Amino acid sequence: MLEISAPIYVGDVVEMRKPHPCGGKQWQVVRVGADIGLVCQTCQRRVLLPRRDFVRGVKKFTRRGEGASDG
């Protein structure tokens, strides 16, 4: 599980533990702050999750955004 202080960048694509009602599990991060803004990659629905709920629900990072360094 991620830590709440783990770096999250705009552009990250994550796989969530529970699927969206449309069936998609892939989400792109579009806003980072106290709340994390996500867009479903299947149906393009936007949602805001509190950072704590986001951290609990993330299964893995599929792709990292621009701000992430490789090393």
C-alpha atoms as a PDB file:
ATOM      1  CA  MET A   1       0.000   0.000   0.000  1.00  0.00           C
ATOM      2  CA  LEU A   2       1.152   3.551  -0.702  1.00  0.00           C
ATOM      3  CA  GLU A   3       1.915   5.996   2.050  1.00  0.00           C
ATOM      4  CA  ILE A   4      -0.214   9.130   2.255  1.00  0.00           C
ATOM      5  CA  SER A   5       2.927  11.205   1.663  1.00  0.00           C
ATOM      6  CA  ALA A   6       3.941   9.194  -1.438  1.00  0.00           C
ATOM      7  CA  PRO A   7       4.429  11.480  -4.446  1.00  0.00           C
ATOM      8  CA  ILE A   8       1.491  11.548  -6.843  1.00  0.00           C
ATOM      9  CA  TYR A   9       1.835  13.440 -10.121  1.00  0.00           C
ATOM     10  CA  VAL A  10      -0.638  14.792 -12.646  1.00  0.00           C
ATOM     11  CA  GLY A  11      -0.588  12.371 -15.565  1.00  0.00           C
ATOM     12  CA  ASP A  12      -0.073   9.236 -13.470  1.00  0.00           C
ATOM     13  CA  VAL A  13      -2.269   6.319 -14.532  1.00  0.00           C
ATOM     14  CA  VAL A  14      -3.267   4.026 -11.697  1.00  0.00           C
ATOM     15  CA  GLU A  15      -5.185   0.792 -11.332  1.00  0.00           C
ATOM     16  CA  MET A  16      -7.736   0.899  -8.521  1.00  0.00           C
ATOM     17  CA  ARG A  17      -8.765  -2.102  -6.425  1.00  0.00           C
ATOM     18  CA  LYS A  18     -12.484  -1.738  -7.109  1.00  0.00           C
ATOM     19  CA  PRO A  19     -13.759  -1.288 -10.661  1.00  0.00           C
ATOM     20  CA  HIS A  20     -15.831   1.723 -11.692  1.00  0.00           C
ATOM     21  CA  PRO A  21     -19.486   0.859 -12.483  1.00  0.00           C
ATOM     22  CA  CYS A  22     -18.585   1.063 -16.199  1.00  0.00           C
ATOM     23  CA  GLY A  23     -16.084  -1.774 -15.655  1.00  0.00           C
ATOM     24  CA  GLY A  24     -12.879   0.284 -15.912  1.00  0.00           C
ATOM     25  CA  LYS A  25     -10.062  -0.011 -13.377  1.00  0.00           C
ATOM     26  CA  GLN A  26      -7.611   2.411 -15.044  1.00  0.00           C
ATOM     27  CA  TRP A  27      -7.712   6.045 -13.871  1.00  0.00           C
ATOM     28  CA  GLN A  28      -5.610   9.075 -14.838  1.00  0.00           C
ATOM     29  CA  VAL A  29      -4.696  11.645 -12.185  1.00  0.00           C
ATOM     30  CA  VAL A  30      -5.746  15.159 -13.305  1.00  0.00           C
ATOM     31  CA  ARG A  31      -5.573  17.055  -9.986  1.00  0.00           C
ATOM     32  CA  VAL A  32      -3.338  16.697  -6.947  1.00  0.00           C
ATOM     33  CA  GLY A  33      -3.929  18.346  -3.595  1.00  0.00           C
ATOM     34  CA  ALA A  34      -5.929  17.456  -0.492  1.00  0.00           C
ATOM     35  CA  ASP A  35      -8.262  15.766  -2.976  1.00  0.00           C
ATOM     36  CA  ILE A  36      -7.086  13.698  -5.938  1.00  0.00           C
ATOM     37  CA  GLY A  37      -8.928  14.290  -9.223  1.00  0.00           C
ATOM     38  CA  LEU A  38      -9.276  11.212 -11.419  1.00  0.00           C
ATOM     39  CA  VAL A  39     -10.658  10.479 -14.892  1.00  0.00           C
ATOM     40  CA  CYS A  40     -11.836   6.965 -15.749  1.00  0.00           C
ATOM     41  CA  GLN A  41      -9.963   5.769 -18.844  1.00  0.00           C
ATOM     42  CA  THR A  42     -12.985   3.726 -19.995  1.00  0.00           C
ATOM     43  CA  CYS A  43     -15.896   6.209 -19.788  1.00  0.00           C
ATOM     44  CA  GLN A  44     -14.084   9.546 -19.123  1.00  0.00           C
ATOM     45  CA  ARG A  45     -16.076  10.189 -15.904  1.00  0.00           C
ATOM     46  CA  ARG A  46     -14.357  12.599 -13.494  1.00  0.00           C
ATOM     47  CA  VAL A  47     -14.301  12.039  -9.738  1.00  0.00           C
ATOM     48  CA  LEU A  48     -12.625  13.651  -6.718  1.00  0.00           C
ATOM     49  CA  LEU A  49     -11.362  11.399  -3.929  1.00  0.00           C
ATOM     50  CA  PRO A  50      -9.865  12.495  -0.617  1.00  0.00           C
ATOM     51  CA  ARG A  51      -6.151  11.645  -0.625  1.00  0.00           C
ATOM     52  CA  ARG A  52      -6.639   9.070   2.134  1.00  0.00           C
ATOM     53  CA  ASP A  53      -9.319   7.172   0.151  1.00  0.00           C
ATOM     54  CA  PHE A  54      -7.180   7.350  -2.998  1.00  0.00           C
ATOM     55  CA  VAL A  55      -4.165   5.856  -1.213  1.00  0.00           C
ATOM     56  CA  ARG A  56      -6.286   3.041   0.201  1.00  0.00           C
ATOM     57  CA  GLY A  57      -7.841   2.257  -3.179  1.00  0.00           C
ATOM     58  CA  VAL A  58      -4.745   2.232  -5.412  1.00  0.00           C
ATOM     59  CA  LYS A  59      -3.517  -1.200  -6.450  1.00  0.00           C
ATOM     60  CA  LYS A  60      -0.565  -0.134  -8.641  1.00  0.00           C
ATOM     61  CA  PHE A  61       0.820   2.593 -10.888  1.00  0.00           C
ATOM     62  CA  THR A  62       0.419   1.670 -14.543  1.00  0.00           C
ATOM     63  CA  ARG A  63       2.255   4.732 -15.900  1.00  0.00           C
ATOM     64  CA  ARG A  64       3.969   7.642 -14.138  1.00  0.00           C
ATOM     65  CA  GLY A  65       3.358  11.289 -15.025  1.00  0.00           C
ATOM     66  CA  GLU A  66       5.759  14.000 -16.150  1.00  0.00           C
ATOM     67  CA  GLY A  67       6.998  14.940 -12.664  1.00  0.00           C
ATOM     68  CA  ALA A  68       8.186  11.438 -11.768  1.00  0.00           C
ATOM     69  CA  SER A  69      11.882  10.757 -12.154  1.00  0.00           C
ATOM     70  CA  ASP A  70      13.169   7.417 -13.369  1.00  0.00           C
ATOM     71  CA  GLY A  71      15.800   7.046 -10.695  1.00  0.00           C
END
